[in-house]
Amino acid sequence: MSTSGTGTRSPGSGTRSPAGEGQIPTRKPSKMTANPIAKKVLERPEILEKDKVWMTKGEWASLLQPHEFECLREGQMGMRNGSKNVQFVPGSVPGGAFCCKGCGLECFAVRDFLPKATAYEGYPCFVKSIPGNVDKRLIHKNNNYTLHCERCDSFLGALRIDGFGKDGGVQNLCVTASFSLVLKVLDTAKEDQLIRVSSQAVVDKNALSPRQRMPVSPSMKRISSSASLRKIGSSGSSRNLGSVGSPRDSLAKRSTNDGIGGLGSPRDQVTKRNTLDSNNASSKADKKGLFSPRRKPK
């Protein structure tokens, strides 16, 4: 292939490209739709709340160490006595909280740390968690509870029964994983304020109805106003919804369409049905001539 002037002819094209540039033209990216299964894994769910931390498995693996990834994202307890938190002494700091390594949420208070149970179990143990920051999930196979971070859904440990308390109730023991928590030193006043604010948030959340607690995505919004339903009913659709009323009104309309009439007691409905059946039977008998006057013989 011959060249002329300062330009060169690129292979497979009829135009000249300036000297010094690449000979092969760049290829445009193809417009391919993503696999729906991969889309669920790689995209943030719509129903997830805004304050939740969500990342893909690859992003978690790039941010965490291998032993931290096994505990936080794969649900393993880790090596016994392998964490620095096992050697923690409660009086060494004025106050603080043990936070999730994934998102930094305060999950356990320093005042609830149990050194004797920690030495026996080999994992950091606590009497209880900070209210509202740890999610307890039931495992139906062995009827045990697992502890997860409320913000990033990371695995924190397990909940075990540790005998009975002073009030006669069951006393639980929170056994956390080796590499799921990190210590955050705070003042005593800040620690008290943290527990107080978390407890009040739980009370406010419990005061809401289940429908108000559930996050609603844009695609899951439902039609709630009766005016919009009237517009749908007044359109040229085969199913006319009309105005929305109480369930009693809708049942009355349905019974009216069935020929029963309005609502009443079950005895009245049975009486009306029997009346309709007798009327239908008499009309059929009249057609057959059963109740017609006796004809005179010819």
Protein backbone atom coordinates (compact mmCIF):
# COMPACT_ATOMS: atom_id res chain seq x y z
CA MET A 1 0.00 0.00 0.00
CA SER A 2 1.51 3.30 -1.06
CA THR A 3 1.67 6.44 1.03
CA SER A 4 1.79 10.02 -0.18
CA GLY A 5 2.36 13.36 1.54
CA THR A 6 2.51 13.59 5.30
CA GLY A 7 -0.44 11.31 5.93
CA THR A 8 -0.72 7.52 6.00
CA ARG A 9 -3.68 5.40 5.03
CA SER A 10 -4.98 3.30 7.88
CA PRO A 11 -5.84 -0.32 7.03
CA GLY A 12 -9.51 -1.09 6.53
CA SER A 13 -10.53 2.55 6.11
CA GLY A 14 -10.75 4.92 3.22
CA THR A 15 -9.51 8.01 5.06
CA ARG A 16 -6.02 9.20 5.78
CA SER A 17 -4.71 9.59 9.33
CA PRO A 18 -2.06 12.13 10.33
CA ALA A 19 1.51 10.94 10.63
CA GLY A 20 2.59 9.78 14.08
CA GLU A 21 -0.83 8.46 15.15
CA GLY A 22 -1.85 4.82 15.44
CA GLN A 23 -2.72 2.90 12.32
CA ILE A 24 -5.63 0.89 13.85
CA PRO A 25 -8.76 2.95 14.60
CA THR A 26 -10.29 2.75 18.07
CA ARG A 27 -13.35 0.56 18.53
CA LYS A 28 -16.51 1.91 20.14
CA PRO A 29 -17.78 0.09 23.25
CA SER A 30 -20.70 -2.22 22.57
CA LYS A 31 -24.10 -1.43 24.08
CA MET A 32 -24.79 -4.67 25.94
CA THR A 33 -27.33 -5.01 28.71
CA ALA A 34 -26.06 -6.35 32.02
CA ASN A 35 -27.08 -9.76 33.29
CA PRO A 36 -30.00 -9.36 35.76
CA ILE A 37 -28.28 -11.68 38.26
CA ALA A 38 -25.07 -9.64 38.08
CA LYS A 39 -27.11 -6.45 38.25
CA LYS A 40 -28.52 -7.51 41.64
CA VAL A 41 -25.02 -8.18 42.96
CA LEU A 42 -23.35 -5.07 41.56
CA GLU A 43 -26.07 -2.44 42.09
CA ARG A 44 -27.32 -0.99 45.34
CA PRO A 45 -30.84 -2.27 46.20
CA GLU A 46 -33.61 0.32 45.92
CA ILE A 47 -35.30 -0.64 49.19
CA LEU A 48 -32.09 -0.08 51.18
CA GLU A 49 -32.17 2.90 53.52
CA LYS A 50 -29.96 5.91 52.83
CA ASP A 51 -27.88 5.58 56.01
CA LYS A 52 -26.92 1.99 55.18
CA VAL A 53 -23.41 1.24 53.93
CA TRP A 54 -23.45 -1.01 50.86
CA MET A 55 -20.49 -2.24 48.80
CA THR A 56 -19.82 -5.16 46.52
CA LYS A 57 -17.86 -8.16 47.65
CA GLY A 58 -14.85 -7.03 45.63
CA GLU A 59 -14.88 -3.58 47.23
CA TRP A 60 -14.99 -5.11 50.71
CA ALA A 61 -12.07 -7.40 49.79
CA SER A 62 -10.01 -4.41 48.61
CA LEU A 63 -10.63 -2.40 51.80
CA LEU A 64 -10.24 -5.12 54.44
CA GLN A 65 -7.39 -7.42 55.34
CA PRO A 66 -7.87 -11.13 54.53
CA HIS A 67 -8.49 -12.11 58.16
CA GLU A 68 -10.88 -9.16 58.61
CA PHE A 69 -12.76 -10.08 55.43
CA GLU A 70 -13.27 -13.64 56.68
CA CYS A 71 -14.83 -12.40 59.90
CA LEU A 72 -16.88 -9.45 58.66
CA ARG A 73 -18.16 -10.68 55.31
CA GLU A 74 -17.93 -14.49 55.47
CA GLY A 75 -19.26 -14.99 59.00
CA GLN A 76 -16.27 -16.68 60.62
CA MET A 77 -15.19 -16.22 64.23
CA GLY A 78 -11.47 -16.13 63.50
CA MET A 79 -8.57 -17.50 65.50
CA ARG A 80 -8.97 -17.83 69.26
CA ASN A 81 -6.93 -15.34 71.31
CA GLY A 82 -5.76 -13.73 68.07
CA SER A 83 -7.21 -10.26 68.70
CA LYS A 84 -5.79 -7.42 70.74
CA ASN A 85 -9.24 -6.88 72.23
CA VAL A 86 -8.85 -10.10 74.22
CA GLN A 87 -6.09 -8.45 76.28
CA PHE A 88 -8.15 -5.31 76.94
CA VAL A 89 -8.38 -4.14 80.57
CA PRO A 90 -11.58 -2.20 81.39
CA GLY A 91 -9.87 0.31 83.72
CA SER A 92 -7.18 1.27 81.22
CA VAL A 93 -9.36 3.86 79.45
CA PRO A 94 -11.95 6.26 80.95
CA GLY A 95 -14.63 5.17 78.49
CA GLY A 96 -15.25 4.25 74.93
CA ALA A 97 -16.92 1.88 72.54
CA PHE A 98 -15.99 -1.06 70.34
CA CYS A 99 -16.86 -0.12 66.77
CA CYS A 100 -17.43 -2.18 63.64
CA LYS A 101 -14.34 -2.32 61.45
CA GLY A 102 -16.44 -2.12 58.32
CA CYS A 103 -18.25 1.18 58.89
CA GLY A 104 -17.19 2.47 62.32
CA LEU A 105 -20.57 2.16 64.03
CA GLU A 106 -20.43 1.95 67.83
CA CYS A 107 -21.72 -1.55 68.69
CA PHE A 108 -20.55 -2.36 72.24
CA ALA A 109 -19.72 -0.14 75.21
CA VAL A 110 -16.54 -0.49 77.24
CA ARG A 111 -18.53 -0.75 80.48
CA ASP A 112 -20.16 -3.97 79.22
CA PHE A 113 -16.87 -5.78 78.54
CA LEU A 114 -16.42 -9.09 80.42
CA PRO A 115 -12.75 -9.98 81.01
CA LYS A 116 -13.42 -13.36 82.69
CA ALA A 117 -15.70 -14.59 79.92
CA THR A 118 -13.23 -13.26 77.34
CA ALA A 119 -10.38 -15.24 78.90
CA TYR A 120 -12.56 -18.37 78.96
CA GLU A 121 -13.97 -18.09 75.43
CA GLY A 122 -10.90 -16.68 73.71
CA TYR A 123 -13.05 -14.02 72.01
CA PRO A 124 -14.15 -10.54 73.20
CA CYS A 125 -17.35 -10.95 75.25
CA PHE A 126 -19.92 -8.38 76.34
CA VAL A 127 -23.01 -8.36 78.51
CA LYS A 128 -25.12 -6.54 75.92
CA SER A 129 -24.83 -4.37 72.85
CA ILE A 130 -25.62 -0.69 72.35
CA PRO A 131 -29.38 -0.45 71.63
CA GLY A 132 -30.29 -0.17 67.97
CA ASN A 133 -26.78 -0.67 66.56
CA VAL A 134 -26.63 -4.49 66.47
CA ASP A 135 -29.06 -6.70 64.57
CA LYS A 136 -29.87 -10.14 66.04
CA ARG A 137 -30.79 -12.85 63.53
CA LEU A 138 -32.15 -16.28 64.31
CA ILE A 139 -30.56 -19.36 62.73
CA HIS A 140 -33.28 -22.01 62.49
CA LYS A 141 -30.85 -24.92 62.16
CA ASN A 142 -29.52 -24.72 65.72
CA ASN A 143 -31.86 -22.03 67.19
CA ASN A 144 -28.98 -19.63 67.82
CA TYR A 145 -28.67 -15.91 67.17
CA THR A 146 -25.98 -14.19 65.14
CA LEU A 147 -24.97 -10.55 65.62
CA HIS A 148 -24.64 -8.21 62.64
CA CYS A 149 -23.86 -4.53 62.26
CA GLU A 150 -27.01 -2.50 61.71
CA ARG A 151 -25.34 -0.09 59.26
CA CYS A 152 -23.17 -2.26 56.98
CA ASP A 153 -24.57 -5.76 57.71
CA SER A 154 -21.16 -7.11 58.76
CA PHE A 155 -20.88 -10.22 60.94
CA LEU A 156 -19.93 -9.38 64.52
CA GLY A 157 -20.39 -12.60 66.49
CA ALA A 158 -22.95 -14.82 68.15
CA LEU A 159 -25.38 -14.62 71.06
CA ARG A 160 -25.20 -17.37 73.68
CA ILE A 161 -27.13 -18.16 76.85
CA ASP A 162 -25.04 -17.69 79.98
CA GLY A 163 -27.28 -18.97 82.77
CA PHE A 164 -29.83 -16.90 84.67
CA GLY A 165 -29.60 -13.33 85.88
CA LYS A 166 -30.37 -11.84 89.27
CA ASP A 167 -33.97 -11.13 88.27
CA GLY A 168 -34.53 -14.76 87.29
CA GLY A 169 -34.47 -14.14 83.55
CA VAL A 170 -32.12 -15.63 81.00
CA GLN A 171 -28.76 -13.87 80.82
CA ASN A 172 -27.23 -13.61 77.34
CA LEU A 173 -23.57 -13.40 76.41
CA CYS A 174 -22.39 -11.59 73.27
CA VAL A 175 -19.35 -13.42 71.92
CA THR A 176 -17.79 -11.35 69.13
CA ALA A 177 -15.40 -12.38 66.37
CA SER A 178 -11.69 -11.82 66.71
CA PHE A 179 -11.22 -9.20 63.97
CA SER A 180 -14.65 -7.54 63.68
CA LEU A 181 -14.27 -4.76 66.28
CA VAL A 182 -11.89 -1.89 66.93
CA LEU A 183 -11.63 0.17 70.13
CA LYS A 184 -12.64 3.84 70.09
CA VAL A 185 -11.66 5.77 73.23
CA LEU A 186 -14.23 8.27 74.51
CA ASP A 187 -14.92 10.22 77.66
CA THR A 188 -17.40 8.87 80.18
CA ALA A 189 -19.83 11.68 79.40
CA LYS A 190 -19.69 10.99 75.67
CA GLU A 191 -20.19 7.28 76.28
CA ASP A 192 -23.30 8.00 78.38
CA GLN A 193 -24.60 10.37 75.71
CA LEU A 194 -24.02 7.76 73.00
CA ILE A 195 -26.04 5.13 74.86
CA ARG A 196 -28.78 7.64 75.67
CA VAL A 197 -29.15 8.79 72.06
CA SER A 198 -29.18 5.20 70.74
CA SER A 199 -31.85 4.16 73.25
CA GLN A 200 -34.05 7.14 72.35
CA ALA A 201 -33.69 6.32 68.64
CA VAL A 202 -34.92 2.79 69.31
CA VAL A 203 -37.93 4.12 71.24
CA ASP A 204 -38.82 6.51 68.40
CA LYS A 205 -38.49 3.74 65.83
CA ASN A 206 -40.73 1.37 67.79
CA ALA A 207 -43.38 4.08 68.01
CA LEU A 208 -43.74 4.01 64.22
CA SER A 209 -46.03 1.58 62.45
CA PRO A 210 -44.51 -1.31 60.44
CA ARG A 211 -45.50 0.44 57.19
CA GLN A 212 -43.66 3.61 58.24
CA ARG A 213 -40.54 1.67 59.23
CA MET A 214 -40.31 -0.12 55.88
CA PRO A 215 -38.38 1.91 53.27
CA VAL A 216 -40.27 2.31 49.99
CA SER A 217 -38.40 2.54 46.70
CA PRO A 218 -39.65 4.73 43.83
CA SER A 219 -40.67 1.66 41.86
CA MET A 220 -42.72 0.30 44.81
CA LYS A 221 -44.84 3.40 45.39
CA ARG A 222 -48.53 2.58 45.39
CA ILE A 223 -51.50 4.64 44.32
CA SER A 224 -53.06 5.90 47.52
CA SER A 225 -55.40 8.74 46.54
CA SER A 226 -58.96 7.97 45.49
CA ALA A 227 -58.81 10.67 42.81
CA SER A 228 -56.13 8.77 40.92
CA LEU A 229 -58.21 5.61 41.15
CA ARG A 230 -61.22 7.48 39.73
CA LYS A 231 -59.10 8.62 36.81
CA ILE A 232 -58.10 5.03 36.14
CA GLY A 233 -61.73 3.90 36.38
CA SER A 234 -62.99 6.68 34.11
CA SER A 235 -60.52 5.81 31.37
CA GLY A 236 -61.44 3.52 28.54
CA SER A 237 -60.30 0.37 30.29
CA SER A 238 -62.42 -2.75 30.48
CA ARG A 239 -62.32 -2.74 34.30
CA ASN A 240 -63.93 0.33 35.81
CA LEU A 241 -62.79 0.82 39.39
CA GLY A 242 -64.94 3.84 40.19
CA SER A 243 -64.78 5.43 43.60
CA VAL A 244 -63.15 3.67 46.48
CA GLY A 245 -65.29 2.86 49.51
CA SER A 246 -65.17 0.66 52.55
CA PRO A 247 -64.94 -3.15 52.26
CA ARG A 248 -68.59 -3.31 53.37
CA ASP A 249 -69.64 -1.12 50.42
CA SER A 250 -67.63 -3.18 47.95
CA LEU A 251 -69.18 -6.38 49.31
CA ALA A 252 -72.66 -4.85 49.04
CA LYS A 253 -72.03 -3.96 45.39
CA ARG A 254 -70.76 -7.45 44.72
CA SER A 255 -73.82 -9.05 46.37
CA THR A 256 -76.10 -6.71 44.39
CA ASN A 257 -74.51 -7.85 41.16
CA ASP A 258 -75.09 -11.45 42.22
CA GLY A 259 -78.84 -10.75 42.58
CA ILE A 260 -78.94 -11.04 46.35
CA GLY A 261 -79.51 -7.39 47.13
CA GLY A 262 -78.06 -5.41 50.00
CA LEU A 263 -76.29 -6.79 53.02
CA GLY A 264 -78.27 -8.31 55.85
CA SER A 265 -78.14 -11.24 58.18
CA PRO A 266 -77.17 -14.66 56.78
CA ARG A 267 -80.76 -15.80 57.30
CA ASP A 268 -82.07 -12.97 55.10
CA GLN A 269 -79.57 -13.79 52.38
CA VAL A 270 -80.62 -17.47 52.39
CA THR A 271 -84.29 -16.45 52.26
CA LYS A 272 -83.66 -14.20 49.25
CA ARG A 273 -81.73 -16.92 47.48
CA ASN A 274 -84.57 -19.42 48.08
CA THR A 275 -87.09 -16.89 46.78
CA LEU A 276 -85.05 -16.38 43.62
CA ASP A 277 -84.71 -20.13 43.14
CA SER A 278 -88.48 -20.68 43.59
CA ASN A 279 -89.29 -17.91 41.11
CA ASN A 280 -86.94 -19.42 38.56
CA ALA A 281 -88.46 -22.88 39.12
CA SER A 282 -92.04 -21.57 38.71
CA SER A 283 -91.15 -19.76 35.53
CA LYS A 284 -89.63 -22.93 34.11
CA ALA A 285 -92.72 -24.91 35.15
CA ASP A 286 -95.01 -22.42 33.42
CA LYS A 287 -93.05 -22.82 30.25
CA LYS A 288 -93.45 -26.60 30.43
CA GLY A 289 -97.22 -26.25 31.11
CA LEU A 290 -97.25 -27.95 34.50
CA PHE A 291 -99.32 -25.25 36.17
CA SER A 292 -101.54 -24.42 33.19
CA PRO A 293 -105.34 -25.23 33.47
CA ARG A 294 -106.42 -28.77 32.46
CA ARG A 295 -107.35 -28.95 28.86
CA LYS A 296 -110.69 -30.45 27.89
CA PRO A 297 -110.50 -33.60 25.77
CA LYS A 298 -111.60 -33.23 22.21
